[in-house]
Amino acid sequence: MDQNDDAGNGQPYANGADDAPIANVLSQYVKDLSFENPNSPAIYQSQGQPKLDVQFNIGAAQVGEDVHEVVLKIEARGEIDGQVMYLCELSYAGLFGLRNIPAEHLQPFLLGEAPRILFPFARRVLADAVRDGGFPPLLLEPIDFNALYFQQAQQAGEPGQISGDIGNA
């Protein structure tokens, strides 16, 4: 399709008008990553059933004209028999170029759709960090960030961020 098409009808934009909504992922990156293994090497001798707690938080900020940064922060804590196996904190971010997005759709995109796009990459970084720490990789189940956004929006008006508990094992 020609870049100058408006809605694919073969006609160029009149006078260069470009008012179609556009959302692009400009970049993705690890903003912060921390892994602690405070009870090594003794923790590798433990035979108990691991208990996992995973929390997440999503924040968004405008960092330039038509550019927003979305940060997906995931904190994972593993314990065996009351001893900490590991503490892993990851802030995984993305820069999104957003143009001609109606105001009422901006927050749902930044706090619902953008984290959905970032999550598979953050999940891999977290799994690798835990595995590289000497433990089985932490494989998180997919999260419906859009549903969480709308659920929290209904409960508290228009939130500026989303946070929650992915689950305890």
N, C-alpha and C. Protein backbone atom coordinates (compact mmCIF):
# COMPACT_ATOMS: atom_id res chain seq x y z
N MET A 1 0.84 -1.17 0.00
CA MET A 1 0.00 0.00 0.00
C MET A 1 0.89 1.23 0.00
N ASP A 2 0.56 2.21 -0.77
CA ASP A 2 1.32 3.45 -0.88
C ASP A 2 1.21 4.24 0.42
N GLN A 3 2.34 4.79 0.89
CA GLN A 3 2.34 5.56 2.12
C GLN A 3 1.43 6.79 2.03
N ASN A 4 1.21 7.29 0.83
CA ASN A 4 0.40 8.50 0.68
C ASN A 4 -1.08 8.22 0.57
N ASP A 5 -1.46 6.95 0.63
CA ASP A 5 -2.89 6.63 0.58
C ASP A 5 -3.58 7.09 1.84
N ASP A 6 -4.80 7.59 1.70
CA ASP A 6 -5.58 7.86 2.91
C ASP A 6 -6.64 6.80 2.95
N ALA A 7 -6.55 5.95 3.98
CA ALA A 7 -7.48 4.84 4.20
C ALA A 7 -7.50 3.85 3.05
N GLY A 8 -6.42 3.81 2.27
CA GLY A 8 -6.29 2.79 1.24
C GLY A 8 -7.13 3.00 0.01
N ASN A 9 -7.67 4.21 -0.22
CA ASN A 9 -8.52 4.42 -1.39
C ASN A 9 -7.73 4.90 -2.61
N GLY A 10 -6.39 4.97 -2.51
CA GLY A 10 -5.58 5.32 -3.65
C GLY A 10 -5.40 6.82 -3.84
N GLN A 11 -6.08 7.63 -3.07
CA GLN A 11 -5.97 9.07 -3.20
C GLN A 11 -5.00 9.63 -2.17
N PRO A 12 -4.09 10.52 -2.59
CA PRO A 12 -3.17 11.11 -1.62
C PRO A 12 -3.92 12.04 -0.68
N TYR A 13 -3.32 12.26 0.51
CA TYR A 13 -3.91 13.20 1.47
C TYR A 13 -3.97 14.59 0.86
N ALA A 14 -5.08 15.25 1.03
CA ALA A 14 -5.22 16.61 0.53
C ALA A 14 -4.34 17.54 1.35
N ASN A 15 -3.52 18.33 0.69
CA ASN A 15 -2.65 19.32 1.33
C ASN A 15 -1.80 18.71 2.45
N GLY A 16 -1.44 17.45 2.32
CA GLY A 16 -0.59 16.81 3.31
C GLY A 16 -1.28 16.47 4.61
N ALA A 17 -2.61 16.53 4.66
CA ALA A 17 -3.34 16.23 5.90
C ALA A 17 -3.08 14.78 6.29
N ASP A 18 -2.74 14.60 7.56
CA ASP A 18 -2.46 13.26 8.07
C ASP A 18 -3.09 13.17 9.45
N ASP A 19 -4.36 12.79 9.50
CA ASP A 19 -5.04 12.76 10.78
C ASP A 19 -5.46 11.35 11.20
N ALA A 20 -4.88 10.34 10.55
CA ALA A 20 -5.18 8.97 10.94
C ALA A 20 -4.44 8.64 12.24
N PRO A 21 -5.10 7.94 13.17
CA PRO A 21 -4.41 7.55 14.40
C PRO A 21 -3.26 6.59 14.11
N ILE A 22 -2.11 6.84 14.74
CA ILE A 22 -0.94 6.00 14.54
C ILE A 22 -0.31 5.72 15.90
N ALA A 23 0.01 4.44 16.13
CA ALA A 23 0.72 4.03 17.34
C ALA A 23 1.88 3.14 16.90
N ASN A 24 3.10 3.53 17.28
CA ASN A 24 4.30 2.78 16.92
C ASN A 24 5.13 2.50 18.16
N VAL A 25 5.75 1.32 18.19
CA VAL A 25 6.74 1.02 19.21
C VAL A 25 8.06 1.55 18.67
N LEU A 26 8.62 2.55 19.35
CA LEU A 26 9.87 3.14 18.91
C LEU A 26 11.08 2.39 19.45
N SER A 27 10.96 1.90 20.69
CA SER A 27 12.07 1.21 21.32
C SER A 27 11.56 0.45 22.54
N GLN A 28 12.26 -0.62 22.89
CA GLN A 28 11.99 -1.38 24.12
C GLN A 28 13.33 -1.60 24.80
N TYR A 29 13.34 -1.57 26.14
CA TYR A 29 14.61 -1.69 26.84
C TYR A 29 14.42 -2.04 28.30
N VAL A 30 15.47 -2.64 28.88
CA VAL A 30 15.52 -2.88 30.32
C VAL A 30 15.93 -1.56 30.94
N LYS A 31 15.07 -1.01 31.77
CA LYS A 31 15.37 0.25 32.45
C LYS A 31 16.12 -0.01 33.75
N ASP A 32 15.73 -1.09 34.45
CA ASP A 32 16.39 -1.47 35.70
C ASP A 32 16.17 -2.96 35.92
N LEU A 33 17.22 -3.64 36.36
CA LEU A 33 17.14 -5.07 36.65
C LEU A 33 17.99 -5.36 37.86
N SER A 34 17.38 -6.01 38.85
CA SER A 34 18.08 -6.37 40.08
C SER A 34 17.75 -7.82 40.42
N PHE A 35 18.77 -8.59 40.75
CA PHE A 35 18.58 -9.97 41.19
C PHE A 35 19.40 -10.18 42.44
N GLU A 36 18.76 -10.66 43.50
CA GLU A 36 19.44 -10.94 44.75
C GLU A 36 19.22 -12.40 45.10
N ASN A 37 20.28 -13.03 45.58
CA ASN A 37 20.26 -14.42 46.02
C ASN A 37 20.87 -14.43 47.42
N PRO A 38 20.12 -13.91 48.42
CA PRO A 38 20.72 -13.62 49.73
C PRO A 38 21.10 -14.84 50.56
N ASN A 39 20.55 -16.00 50.29
CA ASN A 39 20.83 -17.17 51.12
C ASN A 39 21.63 -18.25 50.39
N SER A 40 22.37 -17.84 49.38
CA SER A 40 23.20 -18.83 48.70
C SER A 40 24.48 -19.04 49.50
N PRO A 41 25.08 -20.16 49.48
CA PRO A 41 24.71 -21.35 48.73
C PRO A 41 23.74 -22.27 49.48
N ALA A 42 23.44 -21.96 50.74
CA ALA A 42 22.60 -22.86 51.55
C ALA A 42 21.22 -23.10 50.92
N ILE A 43 20.68 -22.11 50.23
CA ILE A 43 19.32 -22.23 49.69
C ILE A 43 19.23 -23.36 48.66
N TYR A 44 20.35 -23.70 48.02
CA TYR A 44 20.34 -24.76 47.01
C TYR A 44 20.22 -26.15 47.64
N GLN A 45 20.37 -26.23 48.96
CA GLN A 45 20.24 -27.50 49.66
C GLN A 45 18.81 -27.73 50.16
N SER A 46 17.98 -26.69 50.12
CA SER A 46 16.60 -26.79 50.62
C SER A 46 15.77 -27.69 49.73
N GLN A 47 14.92 -28.48 50.38
CA GLN A 47 14.10 -29.43 49.64
C GLN A 47 12.61 -29.08 49.66
N GLY A 48 12.23 -27.99 50.31
CA GLY A 48 10.82 -27.64 50.45
C GLY A 48 10.18 -27.19 49.15
N GLN A 49 8.89 -26.95 49.24
CA GLN A 49 8.13 -26.47 48.09
C GLN A 49 8.29 -24.95 48.00
N PRO A 50 8.74 -24.43 46.86
CA PRO A 50 8.91 -22.98 46.73
C PRO A 50 7.56 -22.25 46.78
N LYS A 51 7.59 -21.08 47.38
CA LYS A 51 6.44 -20.18 47.39
C LYS A 51 6.85 -18.94 46.61
N LEU A 52 6.05 -18.57 45.62
CA LEU A 52 6.37 -17.44 44.77
C LEU A 52 5.33 -16.35 44.94
N ASP A 53 5.80 -15.11 44.96
CA ASP A 53 4.92 -13.95 45.00
C ASP A 53 5.40 -12.99 43.91
N VAL A 54 4.50 -12.61 43.03
CA VAL A 54 4.85 -11.72 41.92
C VAL A 54 3.89 -10.54 41.93
N GLN A 55 4.45 -9.35 41.92
CA GLN A 55 3.66 -8.12 41.89
C GLN A 55 4.05 -7.33 40.65
N PHE A 56 3.13 -6.53 40.14
CA PHE A 56 3.48 -5.69 39.01
C PHE A 56 2.86 -4.31 39.16
N ASN A 57 3.44 -3.37 38.43
CA ASN A 57 2.99 -1.99 38.42
C ASN A 57 3.26 -1.44 37.03
N ILE A 58 2.36 -0.61 36.54
CA ILE A 58 2.51 -0.02 35.22
C ILE A 58 2.42 1.49 35.37
N GLY A 59 3.36 2.19 34.78
CA GLY A 59 3.33 3.65 34.78
C GLY A 59 3.59 4.16 33.38
N ALA A 60 3.10 5.35 33.10
CA ALA A 60 3.30 5.96 31.79
C ALA A 60 3.54 7.45 31.96
N ALA A 61 4.39 7.99 31.09
CA ALA A 61 4.68 9.42 31.11
C ALA A 61 4.98 9.89 29.70
N GLN A 62 4.58 11.11 29.41
CA GLN A 62 4.93 11.69 28.12
C GLN A 62 6.36 12.21 28.22
N VAL A 63 7.22 11.82 27.27
CA VAL A 63 8.63 12.20 27.32
C VAL A 63 9.03 13.08 26.14
N GLY A 64 8.12 13.34 25.24
CA GLY A 64 8.38 14.19 24.09
C GLY A 64 7.09 14.40 23.33
N GLU A 65 7.17 15.21 22.30
CA GLU A 65 5.98 15.44 21.50
C GLU A 65 5.58 14.13 20.82
N ASP A 66 4.40 13.67 21.10
CA ASP A 66 3.85 12.43 20.55
C ASP A 66 4.65 11.19 20.97
N VAL A 67 5.46 11.27 22.03
CA VAL A 67 6.25 10.13 22.51
C VAL A 67 5.95 9.90 23.99
N HIS A 68 5.60 8.66 24.32
CA HIS A 68 5.30 8.27 25.70
C HIS A 68 6.16 7.08 26.09
N GLU A 69 6.60 7.09 27.35
CA GLU A 69 7.31 5.95 27.90
C GLU A 69 6.35 5.18 28.80
N VAL A 70 6.29 3.89 28.61
CA VAL A 70 5.49 3.01 29.46
C VAL A 70 6.48 2.07 30.16
N VAL A 71 6.36 2.00 31.49
CA VAL A 71 7.26 1.15 32.28
C VAL A 71 6.43 0.06 32.96
N LEU A 72 6.79 -1.18 32.69
CA LEU A 72 6.18 -2.34 33.32
C LEU A 72 7.18 -2.83 34.37
N LYS A 73 6.81 -2.67 35.65
CA LYS A 73 7.69 -3.09 36.73
C LYS A 73 7.15 -4.39 37.31
N ILE A 74 8.02 -5.40 37.40
CA ILE A 74 7.64 -6.70 37.94
C ILE A 74 8.60 -7.02 39.08
N GLU A 75 8.04 -7.37 40.23
CA GLU A 75 8.83 -7.78 41.38
C GLU A 75 8.47 -9.22 41.71
N ALA A 76 9.47 -10.09 41.75
CA ALA A 76 9.26 -11.51 42.05
C ALA A 76 10.08 -11.90 43.26
N ARG A 77 9.44 -12.64 44.16
CA ARG A 77 10.10 -13.11 45.38
C ARG A 77 9.82 -14.60 45.51
N GLY A 78 10.88 -15.38 45.65
CA GLY A 78 10.74 -16.81 45.85
C GLY A 78 11.26 -17.18 47.23
N GLU A 79 10.53 -18.06 47.93
CA GLU A 79 10.92 -18.52 49.26
C GLU A 79 10.77 -20.03 49.35
N ILE A 80 11.62 -20.64 50.18
CA ILE A 80 11.49 -22.05 50.55
C ILE A 80 11.63 -22.12 52.07
N ASP A 81 10.65 -22.73 52.71
CA ASP A 81 10.68 -22.91 54.17
C ASP A 81 11.01 -21.61 54.91
N GLY A 82 10.43 -20.50 54.46
CA GLY A 82 10.62 -19.21 55.13
C GLY A 82 11.92 -18.51 54.80
N GLN A 83 12.77 -19.12 53.97
CA GLN A 83 14.02 -18.49 53.56
C GLN A 83 13.88 -17.96 52.14
N VAL A 84 14.41 -16.76 51.93
CA VAL A 84 14.33 -16.15 50.60
C VAL A 84 15.25 -16.90 49.64
N MET A 85 14.68 -17.35 48.53
CA MET A 85 15.48 -17.95 47.45
C MET A 85 16.07 -16.84 46.60
N TYR A 86 15.19 -15.95 46.15
CA TYR A 86 15.63 -14.84 45.31
C TYR A 86 14.64 -13.69 45.39
N LEU A 87 15.16 -12.53 45.08
CA LEU A 87 14.36 -11.32 44.90
C LEU A 87 14.77 -10.77 43.54
N CYS A 88 13.81 -10.59 42.66
CA CYS A 88 14.12 -10.08 41.32
C CYS A 88 13.19 -8.93 41.02
N GLU A 89 13.75 -7.80 40.64
CA GLU A 89 12.98 -6.62 40.27
C GLU A 89 13.38 -6.22 38.86
N LEU A 90 12.38 -6.06 38.01
CA LEU A 90 12.61 -5.67 36.63
C LEU A 90 11.71 -4.49 36.28
N SER A 91 12.31 -3.46 35.72
CA SER A 91 11.55 -2.37 35.10
C SER A 91 11.86 -2.45 33.61
N TYR A 92 10.85 -2.85 32.84
CA TYR A 92 11.00 -3.00 31.40
C TYR A 92 10.16 -1.91 30.76
N ALA A 93 10.78 -1.15 29.86
CA ALA A 93 10.11 0.03 29.32
C ALA A 93 10.02 -0.01 27.80
N GLY A 94 9.12 0.79 27.31
CA GLY A 94 8.98 0.97 25.87
C GLY A 94 8.66 2.41 25.57
N LEU A 95 9.19 2.89 24.46
CA LEU A 95 8.82 4.21 23.96
C LEU A 95 7.82 4.01 22.83
N PHE A 96 6.71 4.71 22.94
CA PHE A 96 5.63 4.59 21.97
C PHE A 96 5.39 5.93 21.31
N GLY A 97 5.40 5.92 19.98
CA GLY A 97 5.04 7.11 19.22
C GLY A 97 3.54 7.08 18.96
N LEU A 98 2.85 8.05 19.50
CA LEU A 98 1.38 8.09 19.38
C LEU A 98 0.98 9.43 18.74
N ARG A 99 0.29 9.32 17.62
CA ARG A 99 -0.14 10.54 16.92
C ARG A 99 -1.61 10.41 16.56
N ASN A 100 -2.33 11.48 16.76
CA ASN A 100 -3.76 11.57 16.40
C ASN A 100 -4.61 10.54 17.16
N ILE A 101 -4.19 10.22 18.38
CA ILE A 101 -4.97 9.31 19.23
C ILE A 101 -5.95 10.17 20.03
N PRO A 102 -7.25 9.91 19.94
CA PRO A 102 -8.21 10.68 20.73
C PRO A 102 -7.90 10.57 22.23
N ALA A 103 -8.09 11.66 22.95
CA ALA A 103 -7.74 11.74 24.37
C ALA A 103 -8.36 10.60 25.17
N GLU A 104 -9.59 10.21 24.86
CA GLU A 104 -10.25 9.16 25.62
C GLU A 104 -9.65 7.78 25.37
N HIS A 105 -8.83 7.65 24.34
CA HIS A 105 -8.19 6.36 24.04
C HIS A 105 -6.72 6.31 24.46
N LEU A 106 -6.17 7.46 24.88
CA LEU A 106 -4.75 7.52 25.22
C LEU A 106 -4.42 6.68 26.46
N GLN A 107 -5.12 6.91 27.58
CA GLN A 107 -4.86 6.15 28.81
C GLN A 107 -5.11 4.65 28.61
N PRO A 108 -6.21 4.24 27.99
CA PRO A 108 -6.40 2.80 27.77
C PRO A 108 -5.27 2.18 26.95
N PHE A 109 -4.73 2.93 25.99
CA PHE A 109 -3.61 2.38 25.22
C PHE A 109 -2.36 2.28 26.09
N LEU A 110 -2.03 3.37 26.80
CA LEU A 110 -0.78 3.41 27.57
C LEU A 110 -0.78 2.43 28.74
N LEU A 111 -1.93 2.21 29.37
CA LEU A 111 -1.98 1.37 30.56
C LEU A 111 -2.61 0.00 30.32
N GLY A 112 -3.06 -0.25 29.11
CA GLY A 112 -3.67 -1.54 28.78
C GLY A 112 -2.97 -2.23 27.62
N GLU A 113 -2.95 -1.57 26.48
CA GLU A 113 -2.39 -2.18 25.28
C GLU A 113 -0.86 -2.17 25.28
N ALA A 114 -0.23 -1.07 25.65
CA ALA A 114 1.24 -1.00 25.66
C ALA A 114 1.86 -2.05 26.58
N PRO A 115 1.36 -2.24 27.81
CA PRO A 115 1.93 -3.31 28.64
C PRO A 115 1.73 -4.70 28.03
N ARG A 116 0.64 -4.89 27.31
CA ARG A 116 0.41 -6.18 26.63
C ARG A 116 1.51 -6.42 25.60
N ILE A 117 1.92 -5.37 24.92
CA ILE A 117 2.99 -5.48 23.92
C ILE A 117 4.33 -5.76 24.59
N LEU A 118 4.60 -5.10 25.73
CA LEU A 118 5.88 -5.23 26.42
C LEU A 118 6.02 -6.55 27.19
N PHE A 119 4.91 -7.09 27.67
CA PHE A 119 4.96 -8.22 28.60
C PHE A 119 5.76 -9.43 28.12
N PRO A 120 5.59 -9.91 26.89
CA PRO A 120 6.36 -11.11 26.50
C PRO A 120 7.87 -10.91 26.60
N PHE A 121 8.34 -9.71 26.32
CA PHE A 121 9.77 -9.43 26.39
C PHE A 121 10.23 -9.33 27.85
N ALA A 122 9.43 -8.67 28.67
CA ALA A 122 9.74 -8.57 30.11
C ALA A 122 9.72 -9.96 30.74
N ARG A 123 8.77 -10.78 30.34
CA ARG A 123 8.65 -12.14 30.86
C ARG A 123 9.91 -12.94 30.59
N ARG A 124 10.46 -12.79 29.38
CA ARG A 124 11.68 -13.51 29.01
C ARG A 124 12.88 -13.01 29.83
N VAL A 125 13.01 -11.70 29.99
CA VAL A 125 14.13 -11.15 30.77
C VAL A 125 14.06 -11.67 32.21
N LEU A 126 12.86 -11.66 32.80
CA LEU A 126 12.68 -12.14 34.17
C LEU A 126 13.00 -13.63 34.29
N ALA A 127 12.50 -14.42 33.35
CA ALA A 127 12.76 -15.87 33.37
C ALA A 127 14.25 -16.16 33.26
N ASP A 128 14.93 -15.42 32.38
CA ASP A 128 16.37 -15.62 32.21
C ASP A 128 17.14 -15.23 33.46
N ALA A 129 16.75 -14.12 34.10
CA ALA A 129 17.45 -13.67 35.32
C ALA A 129 17.32 -14.71 36.43
N VAL A 130 16.11 -15.24 36.61
CA VAL A 130 15.89 -16.24 37.66
C VAL A 130 16.67 -17.52 37.33
N ARG A 131 16.64 -17.94 36.07
CA ARG A 131 17.39 -19.14 35.65
C ARG A 131 18.89 -18.92 35.83
N ASP A 132 19.38 -17.75 35.45
CA ASP A 132 20.81 -17.46 35.59
C ASP A 132 21.22 -17.37 37.06
N GLY A 133 20.25 -17.16 37.96
CA GLY A 133 20.52 -17.17 39.39
C GLY A 133 20.58 -18.56 39.98
N GLY A 134 20.36 -19.58 39.15
CA GLY A 134 20.48 -20.95 39.61
C GLY A 134 19.17 -21.62 39.96
N PHE A 135 18.06 -21.02 39.57
CA PHE A 135 16.74 -21.56 39.89
C PHE A 135 15.98 -21.88 38.61
N PRO A 136 14.92 -22.68 38.70
CA PRO A 136 14.10 -22.91 37.50
C PRO A 136 13.54 -21.57 37.01
N PRO A 137 13.47 -21.38 35.69
CA PRO A 137 12.98 -20.10 35.17
C PRO A 137 11.55 -19.82 35.65
N LEU A 138 11.29 -18.57 35.96
CA LEU A 138 9.96 -18.14 36.38
C LEU A 138 9.17 -17.81 35.12
N LEU A 139 8.23 -18.67 34.77
CA LEU A 139 7.44 -18.47 33.56
C LEU A 139 6.05 -17.95 33.94
N LEU A 140 5.86 -16.67 33.75
CA LEU A 140 4.60 -16.03 34.11
C LEU A 140 3.54 -16.30 33.05
N GLU A 141 2.32 -16.50 33.52
CA GLU A 141 1.18 -16.66 32.61
C GLU A 141 0.85 -15.31 31.99
N PRO A 142 0.29 -15.30 30.77
CA PRO A 142 -0.12 -14.03 30.16
C PRO A 142 -1.12 -13.28 31.06
N ILE A 143 -1.07 -11.97 30.98
CA ILE A 143 -1.95 -11.09 31.78
C ILE A 143 -2.79 -10.27 30.82
N ASP A 144 -4.07 -10.15 31.11
CA ASP A 144 -4.97 -9.32 30.30
C ASP A 144 -4.93 -7.89 30.86
N PHE A 145 -3.94 -7.11 30.43
CA PHE A 145 -3.76 -5.75 30.93
C PHE A 145 -4.94 -4.85 30.58
N ASN A 146 -5.55 -5.07 29.41
CA ASN A 146 -6.70 -4.26 29.02
C ASN A 146 -7.86 -4.46 30.00
N ALA A 147 -8.14 -5.70 30.36
CA ALA A 147 -9.22 -5.97 31.32
C ALA A 147 -8.89 -5.38 32.67
N LEU A 148 -7.63 -5.49 33.11
CA LEU A 148 -7.23 -4.90 34.39
C LEU A 148 -7.39 -3.38 34.38
N TYR A 149 -7.01 -2.75 33.27
CA TYR A 149 -7.15 -1.30 33.16
C TYR A 149 -8.61 -0.89 33.32
N PHE A 150 -9.50 -1.53 32.57
CA PHE A 150 -10.90 -1.14 32.63
C PHE A 150 -11.52 -1.48 33.98
N GLN A 151 -11.09 -2.57 34.61
CA GLN A 151 -11.58 -2.92 35.94
C GLN A 151 -11.18 -1.85 36.95
N GLN A 152 -9.91 -1.44 36.94
CA GLN A 152 -9.45 -0.42 37.88
C GLN A 152 -10.03 0.94 37.54
N ALA A 153 -10.26 1.23 36.26
CA ALA A 153 -10.86 2.50 35.87
C ALA A 153 -12.28 2.60 36.42
N GLN A 154 -13.02 1.51 36.39
CA GLN A 154 -14.38 1.50 36.93
C GLN A 154 -14.38 1.68 38.44
N GLN A 155 -13.43 1.06 39.12
CA GLN A 155 -13.38 1.12 40.57
C GLN A 155 -12.92 2.46 41.11
N ALA A 156 -12.00 3.13 40.40
CA ALA A 156 -11.38 4.33 40.96
C ALA A 156 -11.36 5.52 40.02
N GLY A 157 -12.24 5.59 39.05
CA GLY A 157 -12.16 6.67 38.09
C GLY A 157 -11.04 6.38 37.12
N GLU A 158 -10.42 7.40 36.58
CA GLU A 158 -9.32 7.24 35.63
C GLU A 158 -8.00 7.16 36.37
N PRO A 159 -7.42 5.97 36.55
CA PRO A 159 -6.16 5.85 37.27
C PRO A 159 -4.98 6.31 36.42
N GLY A 160 -3.91 6.72 37.09
CA GLY A 160 -2.70 7.12 36.41
C GLY A 160 -1.73 5.96 36.26
N GLN A 161 -2.02 4.85 36.91
CA GLN A 161 -1.17 3.67 36.79
C GLN A 161 -1.98 2.46 37.20
N ILE A 162 -1.46 1.30 36.90
CA ILE A 162 -2.09 0.04 37.27
C ILE A 162 -1.09 -0.76 38.08
N SER A 163 -1.59 -1.43 39.11
CA SER A 163 -0.72 -2.34 39.84
C SER A 163 -1.55 -3.53 40.29
N GLY A 164 -0.88 -4.60 40.59
CA GLY A 164 -1.61 -5.78 41.02
C GLY A 164 -0.71 -6.92 41.39
N ASP A 165 -1.35 -7.99 41.76
CA ASP A 165 -0.67 -9.20 42.20
C ASP A 165 -0.91 -10.25 41.11
N ILE A 166 0.14 -10.72 40.48
CA ILE A 166 0.00 -11.72 39.43
C ILE A 166 -0.41 -13.05 40.05
N GLY A 167 0.03 -13.31 41.25
CA GLY A 167 -0.42 -14.54 41.89
C GLY A 167 0.59 -15.10 42.84
N ASN A 168 0.11 -15.92 43.72
CA ASN A 168 0.96 -16.64 44.67
C ASN A 168 0.94 -18.11 44.30
N ALA A 169 2.08 -18.75 44.37
CA ALA A 169 2.13 -20.18 44.07
C ALA A 169 2.57 -20.92 45.30
